C-alpha cells in the first residue's frame, strides 16, 4: 500500500514538473516573436514548409467534406421544404466548426508529425547540442520559427478548407441535385455574419494552431534521442494534438455561441 502511494506521488510530481517545464518553454517561444520580427525570413520559410506540405490534403478533404454536407444537408432540409437554405447550412457548418476542427486534425497528422520527427531527428543527431555548444539557442533559431509558422499557417489552411468545402457543396447541391443557385448564394450571404461566424472560426483556428504546433514541437524537443523515442514522440503528437483540438473546440464553442 505504501509502495502504491509512493508510486502515485512520484507520478503526480513528475506530471507537475513536466507541466511546469512545458509552460516555461511555451512562454519562451511566445516571447521569441519579438526577436523573430527582426528576422522574418526564418518564419516565412517555415510557413512555406508547413503550409505547402498540408495544402493538398486540406484542399481535397475540404472538397469531399463539402460534397457530404451538400448531400446530407439537402436530404435533411428536403423534409421541411427548406432546400434553399442549403448554402447557409454548408457555410455555417464549415466556417464555424468543420473548417477549423478538421483542418487542425489534418494538420496534426500531416505537418505536426513532420515537425516532431524533424526536431526529434535533430536531437538524435546531436544537432541541437551542437548549437548549444556554439552558444546558439535552439529554441530561438529552430523551434520558435516553426511555432509561429504553424500559428500563421493554420488560419490560412482553415480558410482554404472552408472555401473549397463551400464549392463542393455548390457542386453537389446546385449542379448535381438542382437547388436554385441564386437561393444557394443569397441565403449564405444573408445568414453568415462576418464577425460572429467567420471571426469566431478564425479565432478557433488560431487557438488550434497554438495548441497543435506547440505539442508537435515539444514532443520532438523532448523525444528520446533514439529511433524508437522519435517514433513514440510522433505518435504522441497525433494523439495529444487531436485530443487538445477536440477539447478546446468544446470550450471555445461554449464560450462563443452560448
Protein backbone atom coordinates (compact mmCIF):
# COMPACT_ATOMS: atom_id res chain seq x y z
CA UNK A 1 0.00 0.00 0.00
CA UNK A 2 2.82 2.39 0.91
CA UNK A 3 4.59 1.50 -2.35
CA UNK A 4 1.45 2.27 -4.36
CA UNK A 5 1.07 5.66 -2.66
CA UNK A 6 4.76 6.39 -3.27
CA UNK A 7 4.42 5.46 -6.95
CA UNK A 8 1.32 7.63 -7.31
CA UNK A 9 3.09 10.53 -5.62
CA UNK A 10 6.08 10.24 -7.96
CA UNK A 11 3.78 10.19 -10.99
CA UNK A 12 1.96 13.29 -9.78
CA UNK A 13 5.20 15.14 -9.06
CA UNK A 14 6.64 14.14 -12.44
CA UNK A 15 3.46 15.35 -14.13
CA UNK A 16 3.57 18.68 -12.33
CA UNK A 17 7.27 19.13 -13.13
CA UNK A 18 6.70 18.29 -16.81
CA UNK A 19 3.74 20.68 -17.00
CA UNK A 20 5.83 23.45 -15.48
CA UNK A 21 8.69 22.76 -17.88
CA UNK A 22 6.32 22.80 -20.87
CA UNK A 23 4.81 26.08 -19.65
CA UNK A 24 8.24 27.70 -19.40
CA UNK A 25 9.11 26.60 -22.95
CA UNK A 26 5.75 27.88 -24.22
CA UNK A 27 6.32 31.29 -22.65
CA UNK A 28 9.81 31.47 -24.14
CA UNK A 29 8.51 30.60 -27.61
CA UNK A 30 5.81 33.28 -27.35
CA UNK A 31 8.35 35.89 -26.27
CA UNK A 32 10.63 34.96 -29.19
CA UNK A 33 8.09 36.57 -31.54
CA UNK A 34 9.59 39.99 -30.86
CA UNK A 35 13.04 38.67 -31.75
CA UNK A 36 11.81 36.97 -34.91
CA UNK A 37 10.29 40.21 -36.16
CA UNK A 38 13.85 41.24 -37.00
CA UNK A 39 14.38 38.01 -38.97
CA UNK A 40 11.10 37.35 -40.79
CA UNK A 41 12.74 35.13 -43.40
CA UNK A 42 13.04 32.31 -40.85
CA UNK A 43 9.28 32.32 -40.28
CA UNK A 44 8.38 32.76 -43.95
CA UNK A 45 10.48 29.76 -44.90
CA UNK A 46 8.74 27.62 -42.30
CA UNK A 47 5.29 28.87 -43.33
CA UNK A 48 6.03 27.63 -46.83
CA UNK A 49 7.31 24.33 -45.45
CA UNK A 50 4.33 23.73 -43.15
CA UNK A 51 1.62 25.11 -45.44
CA UNK A 52 2.87 23.57 -48.67
CA UNK A 53 3.04 20.10 -47.16
CA UNK A 54 -0.52 20.34 -45.86
CA UNK A 55 -2.21 22.21 -48.71
CA UNK A 56 -3.11 19.24 -50.93
CA UNK A 57 -4.68 17.09 -48.22
CA UNK A 58 -6.53 20.14 -46.82
CA UNK A 59 -7.99 21.06 -50.22
CA UNK A 60 -9.00 17.51 -51.15
CA UNK A 61 -10.51 16.86 -47.73
CA UNK A 62 -12.42 20.14 -47.85
CA UNK A 63 -13.87 19.27 -51.24
CA UNK A 64 -15.16 15.89 -50.11
CA UNK A 65 -16.49 17.29 -46.83
CA UNK A 66 -18.39 19.84 -48.93
CA UNK A 67 -19.77 17.02 -51.06
CA UNK A 68 -21.02 15.18 -47.98
CA UNK A 69 -22.51 18.34 -46.46
CA UNK A 70 -24.31 19.07 -49.71
CA UNK A 71 -25.85 15.60 -49.83
CA UNK A 72 -26.73 15.24 -46.16
CA UNK A 73 -27.90 18.84 -45.88
CA UNK A 74 -30.21 18.50 -48.85
CA UNK A 75 -31.77 15.27 -47.61
CA UNK A 76 -32.37 16.83 -44.19
CA UNK A 77 -33.72 20.18 -45.43
CA UNK A 78 -35.88 18.49 -48.07
CA UNK A 79 -38.06 17.03 -45.31
CA UNK A 80 -39.10 20.54 -44.31
CA UNK A 81 -39.18 22.13 -47.74
CA UNK A 82 -36.14 24.31 -46.98
CA UNK A 83 -33.77 23.25 -49.75
CA UNK A 84 -32.98 26.90 -50.48
CA UNK A 85 -31.16 27.12 -47.13
CA UNK A 86 -28.59 24.54 -48.23
CA UNK A 87 -25.94 27.19 -48.88
CA UNK A 88 -26.41 28.64 -45.41
CA UNK A 89 -26.18 25.20 -43.81
CA UNK A 90 -22.99 24.33 -45.68
CA UNK A 91 -21.32 27.68 -44.98
CA UNK A 92 -22.13 27.80 -41.27
CA UNK A 93 -21.08 24.19 -40.74
CA UNK A 94 -17.73 24.89 -42.37
CA UNK A 95 -16.75 28.32 -41.06
CA UNK A 96 -17.98 27.70 -37.52
CA UNK A 97 -17.00 24.12 -36.87
CA UNK A 98 -15.74 21.75 -39.54
CA UNK A 99 -13.26 24.10 -41.17
CA UNK A 100 -11.13 24.86 -38.07
CA UNK A 101 -11.55 21.44 -36.43
CA UNK A 102 -10.91 19.15 -39.41
CA UNK A 103 -8.07 21.37 -40.61
CA UNK A 104 -6.42 21.16 -37.17
CA UNK A 105 -6.80 17.37 -37.07
CA UNK A 106 -5.31 17.01 -40.55
CA UNK A 107 -2.57 19.49 -39.64
CA UNK A 108 -1.68 17.44 -36.58
CA UNK A 109 -1.48 14.27 -38.66
CA UNK A 110 0.49 15.79 -41.54
CA UNK A 111 2.55 18.83 -40.56
CA UNK A 112 2.60 18.10 -36.83
CA UNK A 113 4.23 14.71 -37.26
CA UNK A 114 6.75 16.21 -39.70
CA UNK A 115 7.72 18.86 -37.16
CA UNK A 116 8.06 16.30 -34.38
CA UNK A 117 10.16 13.96 -36.49
CA UNK A 118 12.35 16.82 -37.73
CA UNK A 119 13.10 18.18 -34.25
CA UNK A 120 13.46 14.66 -32.84
CA UNK A 121 15.97 13.66 -35.52
CA UNK A 122 17.91 16.87 -34.91
CA UNK A 123 18.12 15.91 -31.25
CA UNK A 124 19.06 12.32 -32.06
CA UNK A 125 21.78 13.57 -34.41
CA UNK A 126 23.03 15.93 -31.67
CA UNK A 127 22.47 18.97 -33.88
CA UNK A 128 20.65 20.79 -31.08
CA UNK A 129 23.52 20.01 -28.71
CA UNK A 130 25.99 21.34 -31.28
CA UNK A 131 24.05 24.61 -31.45
CA UNK A 132 24.17 24.92 -27.67
CA UNK A 133 27.93 24.28 -27.74
CA UNK A 134 28.26 27.24 -30.14
CA UNK A 135 26.20 29.44 -27.77
CA UNK A 136 23.20 29.41 -30.14
CA UNK A 137 19.81 28.92 -28.52
CA UNK A 138 18.00 26.12 -30.43
CA UNK A 139 14.64 27.29 -29.09
CA UNK A 140 15.14 30.70 -30.69
CA UNK A 141 16.63 29.57 -34.00
CA UNK A 142 14.99 26.18 -34.63
CA UNK A 143 11.80 25.80 -32.59
CA UNK A 144 10.35 29.33 -32.40
CA UNK A 145 10.19 29.96 -36.21
CA UNK A 146 8.31 26.70 -36.65
CA UNK A 147 5.98 27.59 -33.79
CA UNK A 148 4.93 30.89 -35.32
CA UNK A 149 4.79 29.42 -38.81
CA UNK A 150 2.23 26.87 -37.64
CA UNK A 151 0.16 29.55 -35.90
CA UNK A 152 0.09 31.70 -39.05
CA UNK A 153 -0.49 28.80 -41.45
CA UNK A 154 -3.41 27.26 -39.57
CA UNK A 155 -5.99 30.05 -40.22
CA UNK A 156 -4.93 30.20 -43.87
CA UNK A 157 -5.38 26.45 -44.29
CA UNK A 158 -8.73 26.57 -42.46
CA UNK A 159 -9.92 29.34 -44.81
CA UNK A 160 -8.89 27.25 -47.83
CA UNK A 161 -10.68 24.22 -46.37
CA UNK A 162 -13.90 26.19 -45.83
CA UNK A 163 -13.77 27.84 -49.28
CA UNK A 164 -13.19 24.56 -51.09
CA UNK A 165 -15.88 22.90 -48.97
CA UNK A 166 -18.43 25.56 -49.99
CA UNK A 167 -17.52 24.93 -53.62
CA UNK A 168 -18.06 21.21 -53.02
CA UNK A 169 -21.47 21.89 -51.50
CA UNK A 170 -22.34 24.06 -54.52
CA UNK A 171 -21.31 21.33 -56.96
CA UNK A 172 -23.48 18.71 -55.27
CA UNK A 173 -26.42 20.89 -54.28
CA UNK A 174 -26.74 23.15 -57.33
CA UNK A 175 -25.07 21.38 -60.24
CA UNK A 176 -25.99 17.79 -59.38
CA UNK A 177 -29.23 17.95 -57.37
CA UNK A 178 -30.69 21.12 -58.83
CA UNK A 179 -31.04 23.58 -55.93
CA UNK A 180 -31.53 27.13 -57.20
CA UNK A 181 -28.13 28.83 -57.47
CA UNK A 182 -29.47 32.25 -56.52
CA UNK A 183 -31.10 30.91 -53.36
CA UNK A 184 -27.94 28.98 -52.50
CA UNK A 185 -25.72 32.07 -52.55
CA UNK A 186 -28.24 34.62 -51.27
CA UNK A 187 -29.14 32.56 -48.20
CA UNK A 188 -25.46 32.14 -47.48
CA UNK A 189 -24.75 35.85 -47.91
CA UNK A 190 -27.66 36.89 -45.72
CA UNK A 191 -27.16 34.34 -42.93
CA UNK A 192 -23.38 34.25 -42.40
CA UNK A 193 -22.12 37.05 -40.18
CA UNK A 194 -18.52 38.12 -40.69
CA UNK A 195 -17.71 38.67 -37.02
CA UNK A 196 -19.98 36.21 -35.24
CA UNK A 197 -19.35 33.28 -37.60
CA UNK A 198 -16.23 33.80 -39.72
CA UNK A 199 -14.41 35.70 -36.96
CA UNK A 200 -15.07 33.01 -34.38
CA UNK A 201 -13.85 30.39 -36.82
CA UNK A 202 -10.62 32.33 -37.29
CA UNK A 203 -10.16 32.59 -33.52
CA UNK A 204 -10.65 28.84 -33.22
CA UNK A 205 -8.10 28.11 -35.93
CA UNK A 206 -5.52 30.39 -34.27
CA UNK A 207 -6.01 28.67 -30.90
CA UNK A 208 -5.76 25.26 -32.55
CA UNK A 209 -2.60 26.41 -34.31
CA UNK A 210 -1.05 27.34 -30.96
CA UNK A 211 -2.01 24.02 -29.39
CA UNK A 212 -1.13 21.61 -32.20
CA UNK A 213 2.13 23.28 -33.20
CA UNK A 214 3.37 23.57 -29.62
CA UNK A 215 2.50 19.93 -28.87
CA UNK A 216 4.33 18.78 -32.01
CA UNK A 217 7.46 20.82 -31.28
CA UNK A 218 7.52 19.98 -27.56
CA UNK A 219 7.22 16.27 -28.25
CA UNK A 220 10.08 16.47 -30.74
CA UNK A 221 12.22 18.60 -28.43
CA UNK A 222 11.69 16.21 -25.51
CA UNK A 223 11.90 12.97 -27.50
CA UNK A 224 14.48 10.39 -26.50
CA UNK A 225 17.46 10.50 -28.85
CA UNK A 226 16.72 7.08 -30.36
CA UNK A 227 14.67 5.93 -33.38
CA UNK A 228 12.13 4.38 -31.01
CA UNK A 229 11.93 7.60 -29.00
CA UNK A 230 11.27 9.68 -32.12
CA UNK A 231 8.58 7.28 -33.34
CA UNK A 232 6.81 7.37 -29.96
CA UNK A 233 7.01 11.16 -29.89
CA UNK A 234 5.42 11.28 -33.35
CA UNK A 235 2.58 9.05 -32.18
CA UNK A 236 2.04 11.20 -29.08
CA UNK A 237 1.84 14.28 -31.29
CA UNK A 238 -1.15 12.89 -33.18
CA UNK A 239 -2.91 11.62 -30.05
CA UNK A 240 -2.33 14.66 -27.83
CA UNK A 241 -2.89 17.11 -30.67
CA UNK A 242 -6.22 15.54 -31.65
CA UNK A 243 -7.45 15.41 -28.06
CA UNK A 244 -6.39 19.02 -27.48
CA UNK A 245 -8.25 20.18 -30.59
CA UNK A 246 -11.47 18.42 -29.62
CA UNK A 247 -11.31 19.61 -26.01
CA UNK A 248 -10.54 23.21 -26.97
CA UNK A 249 -13.29 23.11 -29.59
CA UNK A 250 -15.88 22.30 -26.93
CA UNK A 251 -14.62 25.08 -24.65
CA UNK A 252 -14.45 27.69 -27.40
CA UNK A 253 -17.86 26.75 -28.81
CA UNK A 254 -19.42 27.02 -25.37
CA UNK A 255 -17.86 30.46 -24.88
CA UNK A 256 -18.59 31.83 -28.36
CA UNK A 257 -22.09 30.58 -29.10
CA UNK A 258 -23.61 30.28 -25.63
